[in-house]
PDB file of N, CA and C in Angstrom:
ATOM      1  N   PHE A   1     113.153  84.154  57.335  1.00  0.00           N
ATOM      2  CA  PHE A   1     113.073  83.348  58.788  1.00  0.00           C
ATOM      3  C   PHE A   1     114.386  83.746  59.582  1.00  0.00           C
ATOM      4  N   MET A   2     115.399  84.354  59.042  1.00  0.00           N
ATOM      5  CA  MET A   2     116.689  84.125  59.896  1.00  0.00           C
ATOM      6  C   MET A   2     116.426  85.139  60.965  1.00  0.00           C
ATOM      7  N   ALA A   3     115.821  86.367  60.858  1.00  0.00           N
ATOM      8  CA  ALA A   3     115.605  87.452  61.831  1.00  0.00           C
ATOM      9  C   ALA A   3     115.072  86.564  63.152  1.00  0.00           C
ATOM     10  N   GLY A   4     114.029  85.960  62.843  1.00  0.00           N
ATOM     11  CA  GLY A   4     113.070  85.316  63.651  1.00  0.00           C
ATOM     12  C   GLY A   4     113.906  84.162  64.404  1.00  0.00           C
ATOM     13  N   HIS A   5     115.038  83.668  63.677  1.00  0.00           N
ATOM     14  CA  HIS A   5     115.419  82.429  64.113  1.00  0.00           C
ATOM     15  C   HIS A   5     116.630  82.937  65.053  1.00  0.00           C
ATOM     16  N   GLN A   6     117.428  84.166  64.597  1.00  0.00           N
ATOM     17  CA  GLN A   6     118.596  84.521  65.378  1.00  0.00           C
ATOM     18  C   GLN A   6     118.467  85.623  66.245  1.00  0.00           C
ATOM     19  N   SER A   7     117.541  86.777  65.915  1.00  0.00           N
ATOM     20  CA  SER A   7     117.655  87.746  66.513  1.00  0.00           C
ATOM     21  C   SER A   7     116.561  87.603  68.150  1.00  0.00           C
ATOM     22  N   ILE A   8     115.576  86.641  67.796  1.00  0.00           N
ATOM     23  CA  ILE A   8     114.808  86.586  69.088  1.00  0.00           C
ATOM     24  C   ILE A   8     114.428  84.899  69.277  1.00  0.00           C
ATOM     25  N   GLY A   9     114.781  84.152  68.110  1.00  0.00           N
ATOM     26  CA  GLY A   9     114.566  82.702  68.506  1.00  0.00           C
ATOM     27  C   GLY A   9     115.305  82.020  69.618  1.00  0.00           C
ATOM     28  N   TYR A  10     116.596  82.290  69.380  1.00  0.00           N
ATOM     29  CA  TYR A  10     117.410  81.814  70.500  1.00  0.00           C
ATOM     30  C   TYR A  10     118.431  82.872  70.940  1.00  0.00           C
ATOM     31  N   LYS A  11     117.955  83.970  71.172  1.00  0.00           N
ATOM     32  CA  LYS A  11     118.605  85.022  71.658  1.00  0.00           C
ATOM     33  C   LYS A  11     118.560  84.638  73.299  1.00  0.00           C
ATOM     34  N   GLY A  12     117.500  84.416  73.745  1.00  0.00           N
ATOM     35  CA  GLY A  12     117.308  84.015  75.268  1.00  0.00           C
ATOM     36  C   GLY A  12     118.542  83.032  75.516  1.00  0.00           C
ATOM     37  N   ILE A  13     118.734  81.855  74.839  1.00  0.00           N
ATOM     38  CA  ILE A  13     119.635  80.946  75.149  1.00  0.00           C
ATOM     39  C   ILE A  13     121.010  81.669  75.109  1.00  0.00           C
ATOM     40  N   LEU A  14     121.382  82.161  74.248  1.00  0.00           N
ATOM     41  CA  LEU A  14     122.754  82.761  74.289  1.00  0.00           C
ATOM     42  C   LEU A  14     122.721  83.621  75.284  1.00  0.00           C
ATOM     43  N   LEU A  15     121.867  84.518  75.871  1.00  0.00           N
ATOM     44  CA  LEU A  15     122.044  85.525  76.693  1.00  0.00           C
ATOM     45  C   LEU A  15     121.883  84.976  77.987  1.00  0.00           C
ATOM     46  N   ALA A  16     120.717  84.215  78.522  1.00  0.00           N
ATOM     47  CA  ALA A  16     120.471  83.731  79.694  1.00  0.00           C
ATOM     48  C   ALA A  16     120.544  82.241  79.796  1.00  0.00           C
ATOM     49  N   GLY A  17     120.907  81.497  79.164  1.00  0.00           N
ATOM     50  CA  GLY A  17     120.998  79.934  79.104  1.00  0.00           C
ATOM     51  C   GLY A  17     121.804  79.503  80.018  1.00  0.00           C
ATOM     52  N   THR A  18     121.658  78.226  80.491  1.00  0.00           N
ATOM     53  CA  THR A  18     122.595  77.822  81.414  1.00  0.00           C
ATOM     54  C   THR A  18     123.826  77.265  80.563  1.00  0.00           C
ATOM     55  N   ASP A  19     124.930  76.750  81.019  1.00  0.00           N
ATOM     56  CA  ASP A  19     125.998  76.187  80.193  1.00  0.00           C
ATOM     57  C   ASP A  19     125.618  75.056  79.495  1.00  0.00           C
ATOM     58  N   GLU A  20     124.922  74.011  79.922  1.00  0.00           N
ATOM     59  CA  GLU A  20     124.177  72.902  79.705  1.00  0.00           C
ATOM     60  C   GLU A  20     123.349  73.199  78.215  1.00  0.00           C
ATOM     61  N   GLN A  21     122.706  74.139  78.543  1.00  0.00           N
ATOM     62  CA  GLN A  21     121.314  74.587  77.623  1.00  0.00           C
ATOM     63  C   GLN A  21     122.140  75.037  76.489  1.00  0.00           C
ATOM     64  N   LYS A  22     123.476  75.974  76.465  1.00  0.00           N
ATOM     65  CA  LYS A  22     124.191  76.432  75.607  1.00  0.00           C
ATOM     66  C   LYS A  22     124.746  75.333  74.686  1.00  0.00           C
ATOM     67  N   GLU A  23     125.554  74.316  75.489  1.00  0.00           N
ATOM     68  CA  GLU A  23     126.213  73.168  74.880  1.00  0.00           C
ATOM     69  C   GLU A  23     125.265  72.305  74.040  1.00  0.00           C
ATOM     70  N   LYS A  24     123.953  72.153  74.462  1.00  0.00           N
ATOM     71  CA  LYS A  24     122.979  71.350  73.794  1.00  0.00           C
ATOM     72  C   LYS A  24     122.532  71.972  72.551  1.00  0.00           C
ATOM     73  N   TYR A  25     121.941  73.355  72.529  1.00  0.00           N
ATOM     74  CA  TYR A  25     121.223  73.973  71.679  1.00  0.00           C
ATOM     75  C   TYR A  25     122.258  74.665  70.780  1.00  0.00           C
ATOM     76  N   LEU A  26     123.111  75.729  71.034  1.00  0.00           N
ATOM     77  CA  LEU A  26     123.617  76.577  70.220  1.00  0.00           C
ATOM     78  C   LEU A  26     124.468  76.211  69.036  1.00  0.00           C
ATOM     79  N   PRO A  27     125.306  74.943  69.184  1.00  0.00           N
ATOM     80  CA  PRO A  27     125.629  74.842  68.064  1.00  0.00           C
ATOM     81  C   PRO A  27     124.966  74.476  66.715  1.00  0.00           C
ATOM     82  N   LYS A  28     124.033  73.641  67.056  1.00  0.00           N
ATOM     83  CA  LYS A  28     122.757  73.272  65.819  1.00  0.00           C
ATOM     84  C   LYS A  28     122.305  74.579  65.420  1.00  0.00           C
ATOM     85  N   LEU A  29     121.968  75.381  66.205  1.00  0.00           N
ATOM     86  CA  LEU A  29     121.266  76.789  65.829  1.00  0.00           C
ATOM     87  C   LEU A  29     122.080  77.617  65.077  1.00  0.00           C
ATOM     88  N   ALA A  30     123.401  77.624  65.761  1.00  0.00           N
ATOM     89  CA  ALA A  30     124.137  78.611  65.059  1.00  0.00           C
ATOM     90  C   ALA A  30     124.446  78.272  63.466  1.00  0.00           C
ATOM     91  N   THR A  31     124.649  76.963  63.182  1.00  0.00           N
ATOM     92  CA  THR A  31     124.887  76.502  61.850  1.00  0.00           C
ATOM     93  C   THR A  31     123.642  76.340  60.952  1.00  0.00           C
ATOM     94  N   GLY A  32     122.360  76.562  61.621  1.00  0.00           N
ATOM     95  CA  GLY A  32     121.321  76.297  61.135  1.00  0.00           C
ATOM     96  C   GLY A  32     120.773  75.084  60.551  1.00  0.00           C
ATOM     97  N   ASP A  33     121.381  74.106  61.327  1.00  0.00           N
ATOM     98  CA  ASP A  33     120.984  72.448  61.408  1.00  0.00           C
ATOM     99  C   ASP A  33     119.493  72.481  61.877  1.00  0.00           C
ATOM    100  N   GLU A  34     119.426  73.509  62.911  1.00  0.00           N
ATOM    101  CA  GLU A  34     118.076  73.646  63.526  1.00  0.00           C
ATOM    102  C   GLU A  34     117.499  75.046  63.665  1.00  0.00           C
ATOM    103  N   ILE A  35     116.169  75.095  63.654  1.00  0.00           N
ATOM    104  CA  ILE A  35     115.743  76.505  63.505  1.00  0.00           C
ATOM    105  C   ILE A  35     114.759  76.763  64.985  1.00  0.00           C
ATOM    106  N   ALA A  36     114.854  78.041  65.179  1.00  0.00           N
ATOM    107  CA  ALA A  36     114.053  78.236  66.492  1.00  0.00           C
ATOM    108  C   ALA A  36     113.310  79.377  66.285  1.00  0.00           C
ATOM    109  N   ALA A  37     112.312  79.505  67.023  1.00  0.00           N
ATOM    110  CA  ALA A  37     111.111  80.203  67.264  1.00  0.00           C
ATOM    111  C   ALA A  37     110.888  81.157  68.351  1.00  0.00           C
ATOM    112  N   PHE A  38     110.335  82.001  68.457  1.00  0.00           N
ATOM    113  CA  PHE A  38     110.023  82.868  69.635  1.00  0.00           C
ATOM    114  C   PHE A  38     108.290  82.937  70.014  1.00  0.00           C
ATOM    115  N   ALA A  39     107.643  82.309  71.033  1.00  0.00           N
ATOM    116  CA  ALA A  39     106.478  82.281  71.203  1.00  0.00           C
ATOM    117  C   ALA A  39     105.826  83.023  72.255  1.00  0.00           C
ATOM    118  N   LEU A  40     105.503  84.301  71.957  1.00  0.00           N
ATOM    119  CA  LEU A  40     104.929  85.097  72.868  1.00  0.00           C
ATOM    120  C   LEU A  40     103.385  85.391  72.894  1.00  0.00           C
ATOM    121  N   THR A  41     103.263  86.021  71.610  1.00  0.00           N
ATOM    122  CA  THR A  41     102.130  86.682  71.162  1.00  0.00           C
ATOM    123  C   THR A  41     100.761  85.512  71.334  1.00  0.00           C
ATOM    124  N   GLU A  42      99.819  85.808  71.778  1.00  0.00           N
ATOM    125  CA  GLU A  42      98.765  85.079  71.870  1.00  0.00           C
ATOM    126  C   GLU A  42      97.014  85.653  71.631  1.00  0.00           C
ATOM    127  N   PRO A  43      96.345  85.010  71.209  1.00  0.00           N
ATOM    128  CA  PRO A  43      94.842  85.500  71.001  1.00  0.00           C
ATOM    129  C   PRO A  43      94.310  86.367  71.968  1.00  0.00           C
ATOM    130  N   GLY A  44      93.880  87.456  71.621  1.00  0.00           N
ATOM    131  CA  GLY A  44      93.122  88.390  72.825  1.00  0.00           C
ATOM    132  C   GLY A  44      94.366  89.201  73.516  1.00  0.00           C
ATOM    133  N   SER A  45      95.754  88.825  73.453  1.00  0.00           N
ATOM    134  CA  SER A  45      96.506  89.633  74.264  1.00  0.00           C
ATOM    135  C   SER A  45      97.621  90.513  73.406  1.00  0.00           C
ATOM    136  N   GLY A  46      97.756  90.037  71.976  1.00  0.00           N
ATOM    137  CA  GLY A  46      98.606  90.650  71.035  1.00  0.00           C
ATOM    138  C   GLY A  46      99.836  90.287  71.718  1.00  0.00           C
ATOM    139  N   SER A  47     100.940  91.392  71.787  1.00  0.00           N
ATOM    140  CA  SER A  47     102.269  91.238  72.286  1.00  0.00           C
ATOM    141  C   SER A  47     102.254  91.880  73.633  1.00  0.00           C
ATOM    142  N   ASP A  48     101.251  91.993  74.086  1.00  0.00           N
ATOM    143  CA  ASP A  48     101.102  92.636  75.564  1.00  0.00           C
ATOM    144  C   ASP A  48     101.513  91.309  76.458  1.00  0.00           C
ATOM    145  N   ALA A  49     102.761  91.299  76.940  1.00  0.00           N
ATOM    146  CA  ALA A  49     103.191  89.902  77.511  1.00  0.00           C
ATOM    147  C   ALA A  49     102.523  89.933  79.021  1.00  0.00           C
ATOM    148  N   ALA A  50     102.228  91.031  79.604  1.00  0.00           N
ATOM    149  CA  ALA A  50     101.781  90.969  80.908  1.00  0.00           C
ATOM    150  C   ALA A  50     100.297  90.210  80.912  1.00  0.00           C
ATOM    151  N   SER A  51      99.624  90.374  79.575  1.00  0.00           N
ATOM    152  CA  SER A  51      98.157  89.644  79.715  1.00  0.00           C
ATOM    153  C   SER A  51      98.041  88.186  79.065  1.00  0.00           C
ATOM    154  N   ILE A  52      99.419  87.602  78.971  1.00  0.00           N
ATOM    155  CA  ILE A  52      99.076  86.299  78.377  1.00  0.00           C
ATOM    156  C   ILE A  52      98.511  85.489  79.256  1.00  0.00           C
ATOM    157  N   LYS A  53      97.690  84.318  78.696  1.00  0.00           N
ATOM    158  CA  LYS A  53      97.141  83.327  79.527  1.00  0.00           C
ATOM    159  C   LYS A  53      97.675  82.199  79.505  1.00  0.00           C
ATOM    160  N   THR A  54      98.829  81.814  78.646  1.00  0.00           N
ATOM    161  CA  THR A  54      99.537  80.338  78.656  1.00  0.00           C
ATOM    162  C   THR A  54     100.032  80.130  80.172  1.00  0.00           C
ATOM    163  N   ARG A  55      99.593  78.859  80.654  1.00  0.00           N
ATOM    164  CA  ARG A  55     100.482  78.586  82.157  1.00  0.00           C
ATOM    165  C   ARG A  55     101.144  77.490  82.042  1.00  0.00           C
ATOM    166  N   ALA A  56     102.039  77.605  83.039  1.00  0.00           N
ATOM    167  CA  ALA A  56     103.023  76.205  83.342  1.00  0.00           C
ATOM    168  C   ALA A  56     102.846  75.970  84.672  1.00  0.00           C
ATOM    169  N   GLU A  57     102.775  74.747  84.988  1.00  0.00           N
ATOM    170  CA  GLU A  57     102.724  73.901  86.088  1.00  0.00           C
ATOM    171  C   GLU A  57     103.640  72.740  86.167  1.00  0.00           C
ATOM    172  N   LEU A  58     104.355  72.638  87.268  1.00  0.00           N
ATOM    173  CA  LEU A  58     105.160  71.686  87.601  1.00  0.00           C
ATOM    174  C   LEU A  58     104.306  70.574  87.822  1.00  0.00           C
ATOM    175  N   ASN A  59     104.781  69.379  87.234  1.00  0.00           N
ATOM    176  CA  ASN A  59     104.097  67.995  87.483  1.00  0.00           C
ATOM    177  C   ASN A  59     104.000  67.713  88.800  1.00  0.00           C
ATOM    178  N   LYS A  60     103.370  66.555  89.024  1.00  0.00           N
ATOM    179  CA  LYS A  60     103.263  66.024  90.525  1.00  0.00           C
ATOM    180  C   LYS A  60     104.457  65.591  91.246  1.00  0.00           C
ATOM    181  N   ASP A  61     105.192  65.083  90.335  1.00  0.00           N
ATOM    182  CA  ASP A  61     106.475  64.483  90.698  1.00  0.00           C
ATOM    183  C   ASP A  61     107.620  65.522  90.682  1.00  0.00           C
ATOM    184  N   GLY A  62     107.381  66.669  90.189  1.00  0.00           N
ATOM    185  CA  GLY A  62     108.371  67.809  90.273  1.00  0.00           C
ATOM    186  C   GLY A  62     109.461  67.750  89.367  1.00  0.00           C
ATOM    187  N   THR A  63     109.146  66.784  88.028  1.00  0.00           N
ATOM    188  CA  THR A  63     110.423  66.608  87.137  1.00  0.00           C
ATOM    189  C   THR A  63     110.324  67.290  86.050  1.00  0.00           C
ATOM    190  N   HIS A  64     109.078  67.853  85.536  1.00  0.00           N
ATOM    191  CA  HIS A  64     108.962  68.834  84.346  1.00  0.00           C
ATOM    192  C   HIS A  64     107.767  69.745  84.403  1.00  0.00           C
ATOM    193  N   TRP A  65     107.728  70.538  83.556  1.00  0.00           N
ATOM    194  CA  TRP A  65     106.755  71.447  83.663  1.00  0.00           C
ATOM    195  C   TRP A  65     105.609  71.141  82.345  1.00  0.00           C
ATOM    196  N   ILE A  66     104.395  71.279  82.760  1.00  0.00           N
ATOM    197  CA  ILE A  66     103.402  71.283  81.567  1.00  0.00           C
ATOM    198  C   ILE A  66     102.587  72.330  81.286  1.00  0.00           C
ATOM    199  N   LEU A  67     102.903  72.753  79.931  1.00  0.00           N
ATOM    200  CA  LEU A  67     102.493  74.174  79.422  1.00  0.00           C
ATOM    201  C   LEU A  67     101.210  73.824  78.632  1.00  0.00           C
ATOM    202  N   ASN A  68     100.117  74.996  79.046  1.00  0.00           N
ATOM    203  CA  ASN A  68      99.002  74.777  78.427  1.00  0.00           C
ATOM    204  C   ASN A  68      98.576  76.255  78.002  1.00  0.00           C
ATOM    205  N   GLY A  69      98.312  76.495  76.828  1.00  0.00           N
ATOM    206  CA  GLY A  69      97.957  77.632  76.100  1.00  0.00           C
ATOM    207  C   GLY A  69      97.984  77.785  74.687  1.00  0.00           C
ATOM    208  N   GLY A  70      97.935  78.971  74.020  1.00  0.00           N
ATOM    209  CA  GLY A  70      97.826  79.211  72.595  1.00  0.00           C
ATOM    210  C   GLY A  70      98.654  80.127  72.276  1.00  0.00           C
ATOM    211  N   LYS A  71      99.216  80.173  71.248  1.00  0.00           N
ATOM    212  CA  LYS A  71     100.171  81.358  70.817  1.00  0.00           C
ATOM    213  C   LYS A  71      99.779  81.407  69.325  1.00  0.00           C
ATOM    214  N   ILE A  72      99.888  82.648  68.654  1.00  0.00           N
ATOM    215  CA  ILE A  72      99.550  83.015  67.298  1.00  0.00           C
ATOM    216  C   ILE A  72     100.791  83.828  66.771  1.00  0.00           C
ATOM    217  N   TRP A  73     100.929  84.005  65.463  1.00  0.00           N
ATOM    218  CA  TRP A  73     101.799  84.711  64.650  1.00  0.00           C
ATOM    219  C   TRP A  73     103.192  84.495  65.252  1.00  0.00           C
ATOM    220  N   ILE A  74     103.537  83.165  65.416  1.00  0.00           N
ATOM    221  CA  ILE A  74     104.858  82.734  65.633  1.00  0.00           C
ATOM    222  C   ILE A  74     105.742  82.705  64.508  1.00  0.00           C
ATOM    223  N   THR A  75     106.676  83.692  64.253  1.00  0.00           N
ATOM    224  CA  THR A  75     107.475  83.440  63.155  1.00  0.00           C
ATOM    225  C   THR A  75     108.563  82.279  63.218  1.00  0.00           C
ATOM    226  N   ASN A  76     108.530  81.398  62.268  1.00  0.00           N
ATOM    227  CA  ASN A  76     109.040  80.069  62.272  1.00  0.00           C
ATOM    228  C   ASN A  76     108.460  79.103  62.943  1.00  0.00           C
ATOM    229  N   GLY A  77     106.945  79.526  63.342  1.00  0.00           N
ATOM    230  CA  GLY A  77     106.547  78.503  64.316  1.00  0.00           C
ATOM    231  C   GLY A  77     106.296  77.069  63.528  1.00  0.00           C
ATOM    232  N   GLY A  78     106.143  77.029  62.126  1.00  0.00           N
ATOM    233  CA  GLY A  78     105.476  75.990  61.567  1.00  0.00           C
ATOM    234  C   GLY A  78     106.951  75.053  61.017  1.00  0.00           C
ATOM    235  N   ILE A  79     107.885  75.569  61.150  1.00  0.00           N
ATOM    236  CA  ILE A  79     109.379  75.062  60.756  1.00  0.00           C
ATOM    237  C   ILE A  79     110.372  74.821  61.658  1.00  0.00           C
ATOM    238  N   CYS A  80     110.048  75.442  62.820  1.00  0.00           N
ATOM    239  CA  CYS A  80     110.949  75.384  63.898  1.00  0.00           C
ATOM    240  C   CYS A  80     111.298  73.913  64.230  1.00  0.00           C
ATOM    241  N   ASP A  81     112.359  73.874  65.061  1.00  0.00           N
ATOM    242  CA  ASP A  81     112.866  72.774  65.955  1.00  0.00           C
ATOM    243  C   ASP A  81     112.568  72.861  67.446  1.00  0.00           C
ATOM    244  N   LEU A  82     112.835  74.153  67.658  1.00  0.00           N
ATOM    245  CA  LEU A  82     112.602  74.410  69.149  1.00  0.00           C
ATOM    246  C   LEU A  82     112.143  75.873  69.322  1.00  0.00           C
ATOM    247  N   LEU A  83     111.555  76.084  70.126  1.00  0.00           N
ATOM    248  CA  LEU A  83     110.906  77.531  70.516  1.00  0.00           C
ATOM    249  C   LEU A  83     111.274  77.816  71.865  1.00  0.00           C
ATOM    250  N   THR A  84     111.224  79.198  72.012  1.00  0.00           N
ATOM    251  CA  THR A  84     111.323  79.849  73.369  1.00  0.00           C
ATOM    252  C   THR A  84     109.817  80.159  73.638  1.00  0.00           C
ATOM    253  N   VAL A  85     109.110  79.650  74.583  1.00  0.00           N
ATOM    254  CA  VAL A  85     107.739  79.807  74.761  1.00  0.00           C
ATOM    255  C   VAL A  85     107.579  80.498  76.140  1.00  0.00           C
ATOM    256  N   PHE A  86     106.878  81.773  76.294  1.00  0.00           N
ATOM    257  CA  PHE A  86     106.551  82.342  77.438  1.00  0.00           C
ATOM    258  C   PHE A  86     105.308  81.942  78.201  1.00  0.00           C
ATOM    259  N   ALA A  87     105.295  81.856  79.630  1.00  0.00           N
ATOM    260  CA  ALA A  87     104.121  81.278  80.220  1.00  0.00           C
ATOM    261  C   ALA A  87     104.269  81.934  81.641  1.00  0.00           C
ATOM    262  N   LYS A  88     102.785  81.733  82.172  1.00  0.00           N
ATOM    263  CA  LYS A  88     103.047  82.189  83.571  1.00  0.00           C
ATOM    264  C   LYS A  88     103.082  81.100  84.514  1.00  0.00           C
ATOM    265  N   THR A  89     103.938  81.430  85.470  1.00  0.00           N
ATOM    266  CA  THR A  89     104.161  80.278  86.658  1.00  0.00           C
ATOM    267  C   THR A  89     103.752  80.642  87.793  1.00  0.00           C
ATOM    268  N   PRO A  90     103.323  79.785  88.752  1.00  0.00           N
ATOM    269  CA  PRO A  90     102.906  80.174  90.082  1.00  0.00           C
ATOM    270  C   PRO A  90     104.392  80.325  90.792  1.00  0.00           C
ATOM    271  N   VAL A  91     104.606  81.476  91.482  1.00  0.00           N
ATOM    272  CA  VAL A  91     105.823  81.642  92.341  1.00  0.00           C
ATOM    273  C   VAL A  91     105.389  82.171  93.679  1.00  0.00           C
ATOM    274  N   LEU A  92     106.072  81.572  94.761  1.00  0.00           N
ATOM    275  CA  LEU A  92     105.849  81.908  96.110  1.00  0.00           C
ATOM    276  C   LEU A  92     106.876  83.183  96.548  1.00  0.00           C
ATOM    277  N   ASP A  93     105.991  84.223  96.838  1.00  0.00           N
ATOM    278  CA  ASP A  93     106.687  85.393  97.406  1.00  0.00           C
ATOM    279  C   ASP A  93     107.080  85.216  98.767  1.00  0.00           C
ATOM    280  N   PRO A  94     108.418  85.316  98.941  1.00  0.00           N
ATOM    281  CA  PRO A  94     108.869  84.859 100.314  1.00  0.00           C
ATOM    282  C   PRO A  94     108.657  86.191 101.528  1.00  0.00           C
ATOM    283  N   LYS A  95     108.257  87.207 100.869  1.00  0.00           N
ATOM    284  CA  LYS A  95     108.254  88.418 101.697  1.00  0.00           C
ATOM    285  C   LYS A  95     106.814  88.142 102.299  1.00  0.00           C
ATOM    286  N   THR A  96     105.583  87.827 101.434  1.00  0.00           N
ATOM    287  CA  THR A  96     104.376  88.111 101.763  1.00  0.00           C
ATOM    288  C   THR A  96     103.748  86.358 102.036  1.00  0.00           C
ATOM    289  N   GLY A  97     104.608  85.527 101.563  1.00  0.00           N
ATOM    290  CA  GLY A  97     103.608  83.989 101.735  1.00  0.00           C
ATOM    291  C   GLY A  97     102.800  83.873 100.633  1.00  0.00           C
ATOM    292  N   THR A  98     102.493  84.886  99.747  1.00  0.00           N
ATOM    293  CA  THR A  98     101.477  84.478  98.836  1.00  0.00           C
ATOM    294  C   THR A  98     102.028  83.933  97.408  1.00  0.00           C
ATOM    295  N   ILE A  99     101.328  83.354  96.656  1.00  0.00           N
ATOM    296  CA  ILE A  99     101.778  82.922  95.216  1.00  0.00           C
ATOM    297  C   ILE A  99     100.953  83.824  94.233  1.00  0.00           C
ATOM    298  N   LYS A 100     102.241  84.190  93.798  1.00  0.00           N
ATOM    299  CA  LYS A 100     102.178  85.152  92.421  1.00  0.00           C
ATOM    300  C   LYS A 100     102.447  84.618  91.061  1.00  0.00           C
ATOM    301  N   ASP A 101     101.800  85.042  90.078  1.00  0.00           N
ATOM    302  CA  ASP A 101     102.257  84.620  88.742  1.00  0.00           C
ATOM    303  C   ASP A 101     103.248  85.323  88.251  1.00  0.00           C
ATOM    304  N   LYS A 102     104.206  84.773  87.664  1.00  0.00           N
ATOM    305  CA  LYS A 102     105.540  85.347  87.139  1.00  0.00           C
ATOM    306  C   LYS A 102     105.629  85.104  85.730  1.00  0.00           C
ATOM    307  N   MET A 103     106.327  85.622  84.908  1.00  0.00           N
ATOM    308  CA  MET A 103     106.678  85.211  83.389  1.00  0.00           C
ATOM    309  C   MET A 103     107.772  84.438  83.297  1.00  0.00           C
ATOM    310  N   THR A 104     107.662  83.144  82.925  1.00  0.00           N
ATOM    311  CA  THR A 104     109.099  82.663  82.702  1.00  0.00           C
ATOM    312  C   THR A 104     108.824  82.108  81.013  1.00  0.00           C
ATOM    313  N   ALA A 105     110.320  82.188  80.754  1.00  0.00           N
ATOM    314  CA  ALA A 105     110.381  81.549  79.242  1.00  0.00           C
ATOM    315  C   ALA A 105     110.873  80.314  79.310  1.00  0.00           C
ATOM    316  N   PHE A 106     110.429  79.202  78.590  1.00  0.00           N
ATOM    317  CA  PHE A 106     110.727  77.818  78.285  1.00  0.00           C
ATOM    318  C   PHE A 106     111.247  77.464  76.900  1.00  0.00           C
ATOM    319  N   ILE A 107     112.380  76.528  76.875  1.00  0.00           N
ATOM    320  CA  ILE A 107     112.851  75.890  75.904  1.00  0.00           C
ATOM    321  C   ILE A 107     112.201  74.807  75.625  1.00  0.00           C
ATOM    322  N   VAL A 108     111.257  74.955  74.569  1.00  0.00           N
ATOM    323  CA  VAL A 108     110.358  73.547  74.135  1.00  0.00           C
ATOM    324  C   VAL A 108     110.764  73.164  72.977  1.00  0.00           C
ATOM    325  N   GLU A 109     111.482  71.896  72.898  1.00  0.00           N
ATOM    326  CA  GLU A 109     111.443  71.263  71.776  1.00  0.00           C
ATOM    327  C   GLU A 109     110.401  70.574  71.038  1.00  0.00           C
ATOM    328  N   LYS A 110     110.310  70.641  69.479  1.00  0.00           N
ATOM    329  CA  LYS A 110     109.060  70.486  69.077  1.00  0.00           C
ATOM    330  C   LYS A 110     109.021  69.001  69.162  1.00  0.00           C
ATOM    331  N   SER A 111     110.096  68.320  69.249  1.00  0.00           N
ATOM    332  CA  SER A 111     110.283  66.879  69.287  1.00  0.00           C
ATOM    333  C   SER A 111     109.316  66.293  70.754  1.00  0.00           C
ATOM    334  N   PHE A 112     109.228  67.330  71.755  1.00  0.00           N
ATOM    335  CA  PHE A 112     108.719  66.727  72.919  1.00  0.00           C
ATOM    336  C   PHE A 112     107.204  66.408  72.951  1.00  0.00           C
ATOM    337  N   GLY A 113     106.581  67.122  71.590  1.00  0.00           N
ATOM    338  CA  GLY A 113     105.066  66.611  71.475  1.00  0.00           C
ATOM    339  C   GLY A 113     104.298  67.473  71.938  1.00  0.00           C
ATOM    340  N   GLY A 114     102.904  67.514  71.571  1.00  0.00           N
ATOM    341  CA  GLY A 114     101.903  68.313  72.107  1.00  0.00           C
ATOM    342  C   GLY A 114     101.820  69.753  71.430  1.00  0.00           C
ATOM    343  N   ILE A 115     102.489  69.921  70.475  1.00  0.00           N
ATOM    344  CA  ILE A 115     102.427  71.078  69.681  1.00  0.00           C
ATOM    345  C   ILE A 115     101.734  70.923  68.317  1.00  0.00           C
ATOM    346  N   THR A 116     100.981  71.801  68.066  1.00  0.00           N
ATOM    347  CA  THR A 116     100.012  72.130  66.755  1.00  0.00           C
ATOM    348  C   THR A 116     100.196  73.232  66.209  1.00  0.00           C
ATOM    349  N   THR A 117     100.424  73.260  64.599  1.00  0.00           N
ATOM    350  CA  THR A 117     100.392  74.335  64.100  1.00  0.00           C
ATOM    351  C   THR A 117      99.525  74.428  63.239  1.00  0.00           C
ATOM    352  N   GLY A 118      99.427  75.811  62.441  1.00  0.00           N
ATOM    353  CA  GLY A 118      98.311  75.878  61.562  1.00  0.00           C
ATOM    354  C   GLY A 118      99.051  76.129  60.155  1.00  0.00           C
ATOM    355  N   PRO A 119      98.071  76.386  59.098  1.00  0.00           N
ATOM    356  CA  PRO A 119      98.848  76.450  57.765  1.00  0.00           C
ATOM    357  C   PRO A 119      99.414  77.942  57.890  1.00  0.00           C
ATOM    358  N   PRO A 120     100.641  77.829  57.058  1.00  0.00           N
ATOM    359  CA  PRO A 120     101.590  79.017  56.899  1.00  0.00           C
ATOM    360  C   PRO A 120     100.539  80.200  56.512  1.00  0.00           C
ATOM    361  N   GLU A 121     100.902  81.456  57.144  1.00  0.00           N
ATOM    362  CA  GLU A 121     100.168  82.814  56.767  1.00  0.00           C
ATOM    363  C   GLU A 121     100.843  83.514  55.742  1.00  0.00           C
ATOM    364  N   ASN A 122     100.284  84.222  54.723  1.00  0.00           N
ATOM    365  CA  ASN A 122     100.831  85.150  53.791  1.00  0.00           C
ATOM    366  C   ASN A 122     100.899  86.609  54.537  1.00  0.00           C
ATOM    367  N   LYS A 123     102.495  86.765  55.023  1.00  0.00           N
ATOM    368  CA  LYS A 123     102.543  87.829  55.666  1.00  0.00           C
ATOM    369  C   LYS A 123     103.016  89.180  54.736  1.00  0.00           C
ATOM    370  N   MET A 124     102.683  89.966  54.818  1.00  0.00           N
ATOM    371  CA  MET A 124     103.304  91.384  54.110  1.00  0.00           C
ATOM    372  C   MET A 124     104.855  91.290  54.408  1.00  0.00           C
ATOM    373  N   GLY A 125     105.591  91.525  53.364  1.00  0.00           N
ATOM    374  CA  GLY A 125     107.056  91.868  53.632  1.00  0.00           C
ATOM    375  C   GLY A 125     107.738  90.397  53.527  1.00  0.00           C
ATOM    376  N   ILE A 126     107.374  89.374  53.792  1.00  0.00           N
ATOM    377  CA  ILE A 126     107.899  88.002  53.856  1.00  0.00           C
ATOM    378  C   ILE A 126     107.536  87.408  52.602  1.00  0.00           C
ATOM    379  N   LYS A 127     108.584  87.897  51.456  1.00  0.00           N
ATOM    380  CA  LYS A 127     108.285  87.357  50.053  1.00  0.00           C
ATOM    381  C   LYS A 127     109.603  86.623  49.449  1.00  0.00           C
ATOM    382  N   CYS A 128     110.703  86.372  50.379  1.00  0.00           N
ATOM    383  CA  CYS A 128     111.846  86.037  49.557  1.00  0.00           C
ATOM    384  C   CYS A 128     111.795  84.402  49.504  1.00  0.00           C
TER     385      CYS A 128
END
């Protein structure tokens, strides 16, 4: 589970997170007190990131994002404390004035609620 935790689970926070995000999440992730997961793969799209269907929309007050969609084969998904979740978001193209979908990574704490997981899968090679 460590590869999913360190190499992709919290790598985005390490490389592109804000100072506030790094201060909040990295100490507990680095010590293993919390576990991270990486949620990209979806039914019907596999690991083809461009074809994901999960969407994120800003709420009416503009205070937080609401994510809707499903992910599969998420290493550490059943045991993690937070996930890096990828979703499409509507973004205004300033050149054309049109709205286009863009890929966005979200830090999602499992404690936020609204996340369900299935039973653990018997994966080949993960036997330790």
